[in-house]
N, C-alpha and C. Protein backbone atom coordinates (compact mmCIF):
# COMPACT_ATOMS: atom_id res chain seq x y z
N UNK A 1 -41.22 2.64 56.40
CA UNK A 1 -40.58 2.70 57.77
C UNK A 1 -39.35 3.45 57.71
N UNK A 2 -38.43 3.23 56.70
CA UNK A 2 -37.24 4.00 56.62
C UNK A 2 -37.36 5.44 56.43
N UNK A 3 -38.41 5.74 55.52
CA UNK A 3 -38.67 7.14 55.26
C UNK A 3 -39.21 7.89 56.42
N UNK A 4 -40.03 7.17 57.27
CA UNK A 4 -40.49 7.83 58.57
C UNK A 4 -39.47 8.19 59.47
N UNK A 5 -38.43 7.33 59.62
CA UNK A 5 -37.32 7.59 60.46
C UNK A 5 -36.49 8.76 60.01
N UNK A 6 -36.24 8.90 58.66
CA UNK A 6 -35.55 9.93 58.14
C UNK A 6 -36.32 11.30 58.31
N UNK A 7 -37.61 11.20 58.18
CA UNK A 7 -38.36 12.39 58.34
C UNK A 7 -38.36 12.88 59.72
N UNK A 8 -38.40 11.98 60.75
CA UNK A 8 -38.31 12.33 62.15
C UNK A 8 -37.04 12.95 62.49
N UNK A 9 -35.97 12.67 61.78
CA UNK A 9 -34.63 13.22 61.96
C UNK A 9 -34.46 14.55 61.19
N UNK A 10 -35.55 14.92 60.49
CA UNK A 10 -35.58 16.24 59.79
C UNK A 10 -34.93 16.14 58.44
N UNK A 11 -34.68 14.94 57.87
CA UNK A 11 -34.16 14.81 56.55
C UNK A 11 -35.33 14.65 55.52
N UNK A 12 -35.34 15.56 54.66
CA UNK A 12 -36.44 15.51 53.57
C UNK A 12 -35.77 14.98 52.28
N UNK A 13 -36.62 14.79 51.30
CA UNK A 13 -36.10 14.30 50.04
C UNK A 13 -35.14 15.35 49.45
N UNK A 14 -35.62 16.68 49.62
CA UNK A 14 -34.77 17.68 49.06
C UNK A 14 -33.37 17.82 49.70
N UNK A 15 -33.45 17.76 51.10
CA UNK A 15 -32.17 17.82 51.81
C UNK A 15 -31.28 16.58 51.50
N UNK A 16 -31.90 15.44 51.35
CA UNK A 16 -31.10 14.20 51.04
C UNK A 16 -30.47 14.36 49.67
N UNK A 17 -31.21 14.90 48.67
CA UNK A 17 -30.67 15.04 47.30
C UNK A 17 -29.49 16.07 47.36
N UNK A 18 -29.63 17.12 48.14
CA UNK A 18 -28.56 18.09 48.29
C UNK A 18 -27.28 17.48 48.86
N UNK A 19 -27.49 16.67 49.93
CA UNK A 19 -26.38 15.96 50.60
C UNK A 19 -25.68 14.93 49.62
N UNK A 20 -26.56 14.23 48.90
CA UNK A 20 -26.13 13.24 47.95
C UNK A 20 -25.32 13.94 46.81
N UNK A 21 -25.75 15.10 46.38
CA UNK A 21 -25.04 15.83 45.33
C UNK A 21 -23.65 16.33 45.82
N UNK A 22 -23.64 16.84 47.00
CA UNK A 22 -22.35 17.23 47.71
C UNK A 22 -21.37 16.09 47.84
N UNK A 23 -21.94 14.91 48.19
CA UNK A 23 -21.07 13.73 48.43
C UNK A 23 -20.50 13.35 47.14
N UNK A 24 -21.25 13.44 45.94
CA UNK A 24 -20.65 13.02 44.71
C UNK A 24 -19.59 14.09 44.29
N UNK A 25 -19.84 15.34 44.54
CA UNK A 25 -18.79 16.33 44.21
C UNK A 25 -17.50 16.04 45.05
N UNK A 26 -17.70 15.75 46.34
CA UNK A 26 -16.52 15.44 47.21
C UNK A 26 -15.78 14.18 46.71
N UNK A 27 -16.52 13.21 46.36
CA UNK A 27 -15.88 12.01 45.72
C UNK A 27 -15.07 12.29 44.56
N UNK A 28 -15.64 13.09 43.67
CA UNK A 28 -15.00 13.43 42.43
C UNK A 28 -13.68 14.26 42.77
N UNK A 29 -13.80 15.26 43.66
CA UNK A 29 -12.80 16.11 44.04
C UNK A 29 -11.63 15.25 44.71
N UNK A 30 -12.00 14.24 45.51
CA UNK A 30 -11.00 13.38 46.17
C UNK A 30 -10.15 12.58 45.09
N UNK A 31 -10.89 12.06 44.12
CA UNK A 31 -10.28 11.29 43.09
C UNK A 31 -9.27 12.09 42.28
N UNK A 32 -9.68 13.34 41.99
CA UNK A 32 -8.72 14.32 41.28
C UNK A 32 -7.58 14.59 42.16
N UNK A 33 -7.85 14.92 43.40
CA UNK A 33 -6.79 15.35 44.43
C UNK A 33 -5.75 14.28 44.59
N UNK A 34 -6.20 12.98 44.52
CA UNK A 34 -5.35 11.97 44.78
C UNK A 34 -4.54 11.38 43.53
N UNK A 35 -4.99 11.86 42.33
CA UNK A 35 -4.47 11.32 41.18
C UNK A 35 -3.79 12.26 40.14
N UNK A 36 -4.18 13.58 40.29
CA UNK A 36 -3.75 14.40 39.17
C UNK A 36 -2.35 14.90 39.23
N UNK A 37 -1.94 15.68 40.21
CA UNK A 37 -0.56 16.10 40.29
C UNK A 37 -0.17 16.21 41.75
N UNK A 38 1.14 15.95 41.98
CA UNK A 38 1.64 16.02 43.38
C UNK A 38 1.51 17.38 44.01
N UNK A 39 1.16 17.39 45.19
CA UNK A 39 0.97 18.68 45.93
C UNK A 39 -0.45 19.27 45.97
N UNK A 40 -1.26 18.79 45.00
CA UNK A 40 -2.60 19.28 44.94
C UNK A 40 -3.39 19.19 46.19
N UNK A 41 -3.32 17.97 46.86
CA UNK A 41 -4.13 17.81 48.10
C UNK A 41 -3.59 18.76 49.08
N UNK A 42 -2.26 18.94 49.14
CA UNK A 42 -1.70 19.93 50.19
C UNK A 42 -2.25 21.32 49.98
N UNK A 43 -2.39 21.73 48.69
CA UNK A 43 -2.88 23.16 48.40
C UNK A 43 -4.38 23.23 48.82
N UNK A 44 -5.15 22.22 48.52
CA UNK A 44 -6.58 22.15 48.92
C UNK A 44 -6.69 22.16 50.44
N UNK A 45 -5.80 21.40 51.09
CA UNK A 45 -5.86 21.38 52.55
C UNK A 45 -5.56 22.74 53.17
N UNK A 46 -4.73 23.48 52.53
CA UNK A 46 -4.42 24.88 53.00
C UNK A 46 -5.71 25.75 52.79
N UNK A 47 -6.32 25.63 51.67
CA UNK A 47 -7.48 26.44 51.39
C UNK A 47 -8.73 26.13 52.27
N UNK A 48 -8.84 24.79 52.62
CA UNK A 48 -9.97 24.40 53.35
C UNK A 48 -9.69 24.42 54.89
N UNK A 49 -8.49 24.86 55.26
CA UNK A 49 -8.25 24.96 56.76
C UNK A 49 -9.26 25.90 57.40
N UNK A 50 -10.01 25.44 58.31
CA UNK A 50 -11.00 26.24 59.05
C UNK A 50 -10.42 27.41 59.78
N UNK A 51 -9.18 27.42 60.11
CA UNK A 51 -8.53 28.57 60.71
C UNK A 51 -8.48 29.81 59.82
N UNK A 52 -8.52 29.58 58.46
CA UNK A 52 -8.51 30.67 57.50
C UNK A 52 -9.81 31.49 57.61
N UNK A 53 -10.86 30.99 58.30
CA UNK A 53 -12.17 31.70 58.40
C UNK A 53 -11.94 32.94 59.21
N UNK A 54 -10.90 32.87 60.06
CA UNK A 54 -10.59 34.03 61.02
C UNK A 54 -9.41 34.81 60.70
N UNK A 55 -8.55 34.38 59.74
CA UNK A 55 -7.33 35.02 59.45
C UNK A 55 -7.02 34.93 57.97
N UNK A 56 -5.99 35.67 57.55
CA UNK A 56 -5.54 35.56 56.19
C UNK A 56 -4.49 34.57 56.08
N UNK A 57 -4.14 34.20 54.80
CA UNK A 57 -3.15 33.15 54.60
C UNK A 57 -1.76 33.65 54.93
N UNK A 58 -1.03 32.76 55.67
CA UNK A 58 0.39 33.13 55.75
C UNK A 58 1.28 33.00 54.57
N UNK A 59 2.46 33.62 54.42
CA UNK A 59 3.27 33.47 53.24
C UNK A 59 3.43 32.04 52.80
N UNK A 60 3.86 31.17 53.80
CA UNK A 60 4.11 29.75 53.56
C UNK A 60 2.81 29.02 52.91
N UNK A 61 1.70 29.35 53.44
CA UNK A 61 0.40 28.84 52.79
C UNK A 61 0.27 29.32 51.35
N UNK A 62 0.49 30.64 51.18
CA UNK A 62 0.38 31.18 49.80
C UNK A 62 1.37 30.54 48.77
N UNK A 63 2.61 30.18 49.29
CA UNK A 63 3.55 29.53 48.45
C UNK A 63 3.14 28.15 48.08
N UNK A 64 2.39 27.45 49.05
CA UNK A 64 1.93 26.16 48.73
C UNK A 64 0.88 26.15 47.62
N UNK A 65 0.10 27.19 47.64
CA UNK A 65 -0.91 27.37 46.60
C UNK A 65 -0.33 27.78 45.33
N UNK A 66 0.69 28.64 45.33
CA UNK A 66 1.40 29.19 44.16
C UNK A 66 2.07 28.01 43.39
N UNK A 67 2.50 26.98 44.21
CA UNK A 67 3.16 25.90 43.69
C UNK A 67 2.28 25.07 42.74
N UNK A 68 0.97 25.20 42.90
CA UNK A 68 0.06 24.53 42.05
C UNK A 68 -0.47 25.23 40.78
N UNK A 69 0.07 26.48 40.80
CA UNK A 69 -0.27 27.34 39.61
C UNK A 69 0.89 27.62 38.69
N UNK A 70 0.73 27.73 37.45
CA UNK A 70 1.82 27.94 36.55
C UNK A 70 2.21 29.45 36.41
N UNK A 71 2.74 29.78 35.31
CA UNK A 71 3.09 31.19 35.11
C UNK A 71 2.20 31.92 33.97
N UNK A 72 1.42 31.18 33.30
CA UNK A 72 0.55 31.71 32.32
C UNK A 72 -0.65 32.35 32.96
N UNK A 73 -0.91 33.67 32.69
CA UNK A 73 -1.90 34.38 33.42
C UNK A 73 -3.27 33.80 33.33
N UNK A 74 -3.71 33.50 32.24
CA UNK A 74 -5.09 32.87 32.05
C UNK A 74 -5.11 31.40 32.71
N UNK A 75 -4.16 30.67 32.52
CA UNK A 75 -4.08 29.35 33.22
C UNK A 75 -4.08 29.49 34.76
N UNK A 76 -3.36 30.49 35.25
CA UNK A 76 -3.29 30.72 36.66
C UNK A 76 -4.64 30.96 37.20
N UNK A 77 -5.39 31.83 36.54
CA UNK A 77 -6.73 32.19 37.00
C UNK A 77 -7.70 30.97 36.92
N UNK A 78 -7.49 30.21 35.74
CA UNK A 78 -8.38 29.08 35.66
C UNK A 78 -8.08 28.00 36.67
N UNK A 79 -6.77 27.80 37.00
CA UNK A 79 -6.38 26.85 38.04
C UNK A 79 -6.87 27.36 39.40
N UNK A 80 -6.80 28.63 39.67
CA UNK A 80 -7.30 29.17 40.97
C UNK A 80 -8.72 28.90 41.06
N UNK A 81 -9.50 29.10 39.97
CA UNK A 81 -10.93 28.94 39.92
C UNK A 81 -11.22 27.39 40.21
N UNK A 82 -10.48 26.50 39.60
CA UNK A 82 -10.56 25.09 39.93
C UNK A 82 -10.31 24.76 41.28
N UNK A 83 -9.31 25.32 41.88
CA UNK A 83 -8.89 25.03 43.32
C UNK A 83 -10.02 25.43 44.22
N UNK A 84 -10.61 26.66 43.95
CA UNK A 84 -11.64 27.15 44.74
C UNK A 84 -12.85 26.21 44.71
N UNK A 85 -13.27 25.80 43.44
CA UNK A 85 -14.36 24.76 43.25
C UNK A 85 -14.13 23.50 44.06
N UNK A 86 -12.85 22.93 43.89
CA UNK A 86 -12.52 21.69 44.58
C UNK A 86 -12.55 21.90 46.05
N UNK A 87 -12.09 23.06 46.57
CA UNK A 87 -12.16 23.24 48.01
C UNK A 87 -13.56 23.40 48.47
N UNK A 88 -14.47 24.03 47.79
CA UNK A 88 -15.84 24.26 48.14
C UNK A 88 -16.53 22.95 48.15
N UNK A 89 -16.11 21.91 47.49
CA UNK A 89 -16.68 20.58 47.39
C UNK A 89 -16.45 19.91 48.74
N UNK A 90 -15.31 20.33 49.45
CA UNK A 90 -15.03 19.73 50.73
C UNK A 90 -15.62 20.47 51.84
N UNK A 91 -15.51 21.80 51.83
CA UNK A 91 -16.21 22.63 52.84
C UNK A 91 -16.40 24.01 52.36
N UNK A 92 -17.31 24.75 52.85
CA UNK A 92 -17.51 26.17 52.51
C UNK A 92 -16.25 26.86 52.99
N UNK A 93 -15.72 27.71 52.07
CA UNK A 93 -14.55 28.50 52.48
C UNK A 93 -15.02 29.93 52.72
N UNK A 94 -14.23 30.79 53.55
CA UNK A 94 -14.58 32.13 53.80
C UNK A 94 -14.47 33.00 52.56
N UNK A 95 -15.23 34.02 52.42
CA UNK A 95 -15.06 34.89 51.30
C UNK A 95 -13.60 35.53 51.21
N UNK A 96 -13.03 35.81 52.38
CA UNK A 96 -11.64 36.35 52.41
C UNK A 96 -10.67 35.34 51.88
N UNK A 97 -10.85 34.06 52.13
CA UNK A 97 -9.98 33.02 51.59
C UNK A 97 -10.21 32.93 50.09
N UNK A 98 -11.44 32.94 49.67
CA UNK A 98 -11.69 32.93 48.18
C UNK A 98 -11.12 34.12 47.58
N UNK A 99 -11.18 35.34 48.04
CA UNK A 99 -10.62 36.54 47.57
C UNK A 99 -9.06 36.34 47.39
N UNK A 100 -8.59 35.78 48.46
CA UNK A 100 -7.03 35.65 48.55
C UNK A 100 -6.62 34.65 47.43
N UNK A 101 -7.42 33.66 47.15
CA UNK A 101 -7.14 32.61 46.04
C UNK A 101 -7.15 33.34 44.73
N UNK A 102 -8.20 34.14 44.48
CA UNK A 102 -8.23 34.87 43.28
C UNK A 102 -6.99 35.87 43.13
N UNK A 103 -6.61 36.52 44.18
CA UNK A 103 -5.49 37.46 44.06
C UNK A 103 -4.21 36.63 43.74
N UNK A 104 -4.03 35.48 44.46
CA UNK A 104 -2.89 34.65 44.08
C UNK A 104 -2.93 34.26 42.57
N UNK A 105 -4.03 33.85 42.11
CA UNK A 105 -4.22 33.48 40.77
C UNK A 105 -4.01 34.64 39.74
N UNK A 106 -4.26 35.85 40.24
CA UNK A 106 -4.06 37.01 39.38
C UNK A 106 -2.64 37.57 39.25
N UNK A 107 -1.69 37.03 40.13
CA UNK A 107 -0.44 37.57 40.11
C UNK A 107 0.33 37.57 38.80
N UNK A 108 0.24 36.46 38.04
CA UNK A 108 0.91 36.41 36.72
C UNK A 108 0.17 37.47 35.83
N UNK A 109 -1.09 37.60 35.96
CA UNK A 109 -1.90 38.55 35.14
C UNK A 109 -1.44 40.04 35.47
N UNK A 110 -1.15 40.28 36.69
CA UNK A 110 -0.63 41.59 37.11
C UNK A 110 0.63 41.86 36.44
N UNK A 111 1.50 40.85 36.40
CA UNK A 111 2.80 41.05 35.73
C UNK A 111 2.63 41.21 34.24
N UNK A 112 1.69 40.55 33.76
CA UNK A 112 1.36 40.70 32.27
C UNK A 112 0.92 42.17 31.95
N UNK A 113 0.08 42.72 32.88
CA UNK A 113 -0.48 44.02 32.67
C UNK A 113 0.70 45.09 32.81
N UNK A 114 1.62 44.86 33.76
CA UNK A 114 2.70 45.76 33.93
C UNK A 114 3.54 45.72 32.65
N UNK A 115 3.77 44.47 32.12
CA UNK A 115 4.50 44.32 30.92
C UNK A 115 3.96 45.01 29.67
N UNK A 116 2.64 45.24 29.67
CA UNK A 116 2.01 45.97 28.62
C UNK A 116 2.22 47.48 28.74
N UNK A 117 2.66 47.82 29.94
CA UNK A 117 2.96 49.31 30.21
C UNK A 117 1.81 49.97 30.97
N UNK A 118 0.94 49.20 31.54
CA UNK A 118 -0.16 49.75 32.43
C UNK A 118 0.39 50.43 33.62
N UNK A 119 0.27 51.68 33.75
CA UNK A 119 0.62 52.40 34.98
C UNK A 119 -0.37 52.30 36.05
N UNK A 120 -0.10 51.61 37.20
CA UNK A 120 -1.15 51.37 38.22
C UNK A 120 -0.90 52.21 39.44
N UNK A 121 0.01 53.27 39.39
CA UNK A 121 0.32 54.01 40.60
C UNK A 121 -0.86 54.89 40.98
N UNK A 122 -1.71 55.31 39.98
CA UNK A 122 -2.77 56.26 40.29
C UNK A 122 -3.87 55.66 41.21
N UNK A 123 -3.96 54.49 41.50
CA UNK A 123 -4.97 53.97 42.31
C UNK A 123 -4.79 54.42 43.71
N UNK A 124 -6.06 54.21 44.46
CA UNK A 124 -6.11 54.63 45.81
C UNK A 124 -4.99 53.87 46.68
N UNK A 125 -4.30 54.59 47.60
CA UNK A 125 -3.33 54.02 48.45
C UNK A 125 -3.98 52.90 49.18
N UNK A 126 -3.24 51.81 49.40
CA UNK A 126 -3.72 50.77 50.29
C UNK A 126 -4.52 49.66 49.53
N UNK A 127 -5.16 50.06 48.48
CA UNK A 127 -5.98 49.05 47.71
C UNK A 127 -5.42 48.74 46.32
N UNK A 128 -4.21 49.21 46.09
CA UNK A 128 -3.70 49.03 44.71
C UNK A 128 -3.61 47.58 44.31
N UNK A 129 -3.14 46.65 45.21
CA UNK A 129 -3.08 45.14 44.94
C UNK A 129 -4.40 44.71 44.55
N UNK A 130 -5.49 45.05 45.29
CA UNK A 130 -6.82 44.42 45.06
C UNK A 130 -7.32 45.03 43.76
N UNK A 131 -7.12 46.38 43.52
CA UNK A 131 -7.69 46.85 42.30
C UNK A 131 -7.03 46.30 41.05
N UNK A 132 -5.66 46.15 41.12
CA UNK A 132 -4.91 45.53 40.01
C UNK A 132 -5.27 44.03 39.80
N UNK A 133 -5.49 43.33 40.87
CA UNK A 133 -5.86 42.04 40.78
C UNK A 133 -7.27 41.83 40.14
N UNK A 134 -8.12 42.81 40.51
CA UNK A 134 -9.48 42.81 39.93
C UNK A 134 -9.34 43.17 38.47
N UNK A 135 -8.54 44.09 38.12
CA UNK A 135 -8.30 44.45 36.63
C UNK A 135 -7.75 43.22 35.87
N UNK A 136 -6.78 42.51 36.48
CA UNK A 136 -6.26 41.35 35.77
C UNK A 136 -7.36 40.22 35.61
N UNK A 137 -8.28 40.07 36.63
CA UNK A 137 -9.34 39.08 36.39
C UNK A 137 -10.22 39.56 35.28
N UNK A 138 -10.55 40.90 35.18
CA UNK A 138 -11.40 41.35 34.13
C UNK A 138 -10.68 41.23 32.77
N UNK A 139 -9.49 41.46 32.76
CA UNK A 139 -8.71 41.48 31.47
C UNK A 139 -8.70 40.02 30.92
N UNK A 140 -8.62 39.03 31.76
CA UNK A 140 -8.54 37.60 31.33
C UNK A 140 -9.90 36.92 31.32
N UNK A 141 -10.95 37.66 31.68
CA UNK A 141 -12.20 37.09 31.55
C UNK A 141 -12.83 36.39 32.83
N UNK A 142 -12.36 36.70 33.96
CA UNK A 142 -12.80 36.01 35.17
C UNK A 142 -13.60 36.98 35.98
N UNK A 143 -14.87 37.29 35.69
CA UNK A 143 -15.81 38.12 36.42
C UNK A 143 -16.03 37.64 37.83
N UNK A 144 -16.14 36.35 38.09
CA UNK A 144 -16.30 35.85 39.46
C UNK A 144 -15.18 36.26 40.30
N UNK A 145 -13.95 36.14 39.78
CA UNK A 145 -12.79 36.56 40.57
C UNK A 145 -12.76 38.05 40.91
N UNK A 146 -13.05 38.89 39.81
CA UNK A 146 -13.03 40.32 39.99
C UNK A 146 -14.18 40.76 41.03
N UNK A 147 -15.32 40.13 40.87
CA UNK A 147 -16.38 40.52 41.83
C UNK A 147 -15.98 40.10 43.31
N UNK A 148 -15.37 38.88 43.47
CA UNK A 148 -15.08 38.39 44.72
C UNK A 148 -14.09 39.21 45.33
N UNK A 149 -13.00 39.63 44.66
CA UNK A 149 -11.94 40.45 45.20
C UNK A 149 -12.55 41.87 45.59
N UNK A 150 -13.26 42.45 44.74
CA UNK A 150 -13.97 43.76 45.07
C UNK A 150 -14.78 43.73 46.22
N UNK A 151 -15.65 42.72 46.37
CA UNK A 151 -16.60 42.56 47.46
C UNK A 151 -15.83 42.38 48.81
N UNK A 152 -14.71 41.69 48.71
CA UNK A 152 -13.93 41.53 49.93
C UNK A 152 -13.37 42.86 50.41
N UNK A 153 -13.27 43.90 49.60
CA UNK A 153 -12.76 45.18 50.00
C UNK A 153 -13.93 46.22 50.17
N UNK A 154 -15.18 45.65 50.40
CA UNK A 154 -16.34 46.48 50.54
C UNK A 154 -16.79 47.23 49.30
N UNK A 155 -16.33 46.77 48.12
CA UNK A 155 -16.83 47.29 46.94
C UNK A 155 -17.65 46.26 46.24
N UNK A 156 -17.56 46.00 44.97
CA UNK A 156 -18.20 44.92 44.32
C UNK A 156 -19.28 45.37 43.37
N UNK A 157 -19.38 46.68 43.13
CA UNK A 157 -20.42 47.21 42.19
C UNK A 157 -20.10 46.84 40.81
N UNK A 158 -20.83 47.56 39.99
CA UNK A 158 -20.55 47.41 38.52
C UNK A 158 -21.87 46.85 37.91
N UNK A 159 -21.77 46.53 36.71
CA UNK A 159 -23.00 46.01 36.01
C UNK A 159 -22.96 44.50 35.69
N UNK A 160 -22.15 43.83 36.41
CA UNK A 160 -21.86 42.33 36.29
C UNK A 160 -21.70 41.94 34.80
N UNK A 161 -20.98 42.78 34.10
CA UNK A 161 -20.58 42.47 32.70
C UNK A 161 -19.03 42.72 32.60
N UNK A 162 -18.41 41.74 31.88
CA UNK A 162 -17.07 41.91 31.63
C UNK A 162 -16.84 42.98 30.60
N UNK A 163 -15.77 43.80 30.70
CA UNK A 163 -15.51 44.72 29.65
C UNK A 163 -15.09 43.83 28.39
N UNK A 164 -15.52 44.19 27.31
CA UNK A 164 -15.20 43.41 26.02
C UNK A 164 -14.20 44.18 25.26
N UNK A 165 -13.24 43.46 24.79
CA UNK A 165 -12.14 44.04 23.96
C UNK A 165 -12.77 44.33 22.56
N UNK A 166 -12.54 45.65 22.21
CA UNK A 166 -13.01 46.16 20.89
C UNK A 166 -12.17 45.57 19.80
N UNK A 167 -12.75 45.38 18.53
CA UNK A 167 -11.94 44.86 17.48
C UNK A 167 -10.73 45.61 17.16
N UNK A 168 -10.78 46.92 17.10
CA UNK A 168 -9.58 47.77 16.68
C UNK A 168 -8.77 48.27 18.02
N UNK A 169 -9.04 47.60 19.18
CA UNK A 169 -8.31 48.03 20.42
C UNK A 169 -7.13 47.17 20.75
N UNK A 170 -6.10 47.77 21.13
CA UNK A 170 -4.86 47.08 21.43
C UNK A 170 -4.92 46.65 22.91
N UNK A 171 -4.09 45.73 23.30
CA UNK A 171 -4.11 45.15 24.70
C UNK A 171 -3.98 46.15 25.80
N UNK A 172 -3.13 47.21 25.48
CA UNK A 172 -2.86 48.25 26.62
C UNK A 172 -4.11 49.09 26.84
N UNK A 173 -4.81 49.47 25.70
CA UNK A 173 -6.07 50.30 25.88
C UNK A 173 -7.13 49.42 26.55
N UNK A 174 -7.22 48.11 26.27
CA UNK A 174 -8.23 47.27 26.94
C UNK A 174 -7.86 47.10 28.43
N UNK A 175 -6.54 46.94 28.59
CA UNK A 175 -6.13 46.84 30.05
C UNK A 175 -6.44 48.10 30.89
N UNK A 176 -6.22 49.20 30.22
CA UNK A 176 -6.64 50.43 30.85
C UNK A 176 -8.18 50.56 31.21
N UNK A 177 -8.99 50.11 30.30
CA UNK A 177 -10.48 50.01 30.54
C UNK A 177 -10.80 49.14 31.66
N UNK A 178 -10.11 47.89 31.73
CA UNK A 178 -10.28 47.04 32.72
C UNK A 178 -9.88 47.56 34.08
N UNK A 179 -8.78 48.30 34.10
CA UNK A 179 -8.30 49.06 35.39
C UNK A 179 -9.36 50.04 35.80
N UNK A 180 -9.88 50.79 34.90
CA UNK A 180 -10.89 51.91 35.20
C UNK A 180 -12.16 51.14 35.80
N UNK A 181 -12.59 50.06 35.19
CA UNK A 181 -13.66 49.34 35.72
C UNK A 181 -13.47 48.71 37.09
N UNK A 182 -12.29 48.28 37.24
CA UNK A 182 -11.83 47.69 38.60
C UNK A 182 -11.91 48.80 39.70
N UNK A 183 -11.40 50.01 39.31
CA UNK A 183 -11.46 51.16 40.34
C UNK A 183 -12.90 51.47 40.61
N UNK A 184 -13.80 51.40 39.70
CA UNK A 184 -15.23 51.66 39.94
C UNK A 184 -15.83 50.54 40.82
N UNK A 185 -15.38 49.36 40.56
CA UNK A 185 -15.90 48.24 41.44
C UNK A 185 -15.55 48.40 42.85
N UNK A 186 -14.32 48.98 43.14
CA UNK A 186 -13.82 49.12 44.48
C UNK A 186 -14.12 50.42 45.05
N UNK A 187 -14.83 51.27 44.32
CA UNK A 187 -15.20 52.67 44.77
C UNK A 187 -16.27 52.62 45.92
N UNK A 188 -16.23 53.70 46.67
CA UNK A 188 -17.25 53.78 47.67
C UNK A 188 -18.68 53.85 47.15
N UNK A 189 -19.52 53.09 47.78
CA UNK A 189 -20.91 53.09 47.36
C UNK A 189 -21.22 52.20 46.14
N UNK A 190 -20.24 51.51 45.62
CA UNK A 190 -20.49 50.78 44.41
C UNK A 190 -21.37 49.57 44.70
N UNK A 191 -21.38 49.15 46.01
CA UNK A 191 -22.20 47.89 46.36
C UNK A 191 -23.66 48.40 46.29
N UNK A 192 -24.05 49.49 46.69
CA UNK A 192 -25.39 50.01 46.67
C UNK A 192 -25.94 50.13 45.26
N UNK A 193 -25.05 50.50 44.31
CA UNK A 193 -25.54 50.75 42.97
C UNK A 193 -26.05 49.41 42.31
N UNK A 194 -25.43 48.32 42.84
CA UNK A 194 -25.66 47.08 42.15
C UNK A 194 -27.18 46.63 42.19
């Protein structure tokens, strides 16, 4: 009798299992948000704000999110990835918000690439920040972040493979290759090649 009522309401075993899985993810995310570190819930509340579906983050909102990230480039990107996953457990976030999160996470990586001596002036005007953020994601091994940023700028091509650092290659040479790959990912028509 119970199953007949659920079926009449359009709830199938598959949809029930999907809802149950999301509920478990939400419960886990809420436990972490309430117990891990101060301010985490506030950062996730910023990311999951439905108003971000229509607009970009304000500077104050970005600062709230930055407060949850450290200064280590790889840890920043890892934490940004975690914040995105935790936010998605609460509600689907817009691609532009996800891209913005990856760019915030890549800020310390961009500083690291500049410190290596990577000259990023040659990039196309207006998209320098996105290309460099994509390069930082590639350099530190975050293909999802690189792809998300590139797709948000109508790029996103490439071969879905991270550039690999060669054994005899120094960090600057590898950073340059990541930057070249990022420029290709942001290039016109790169989405169609995929």
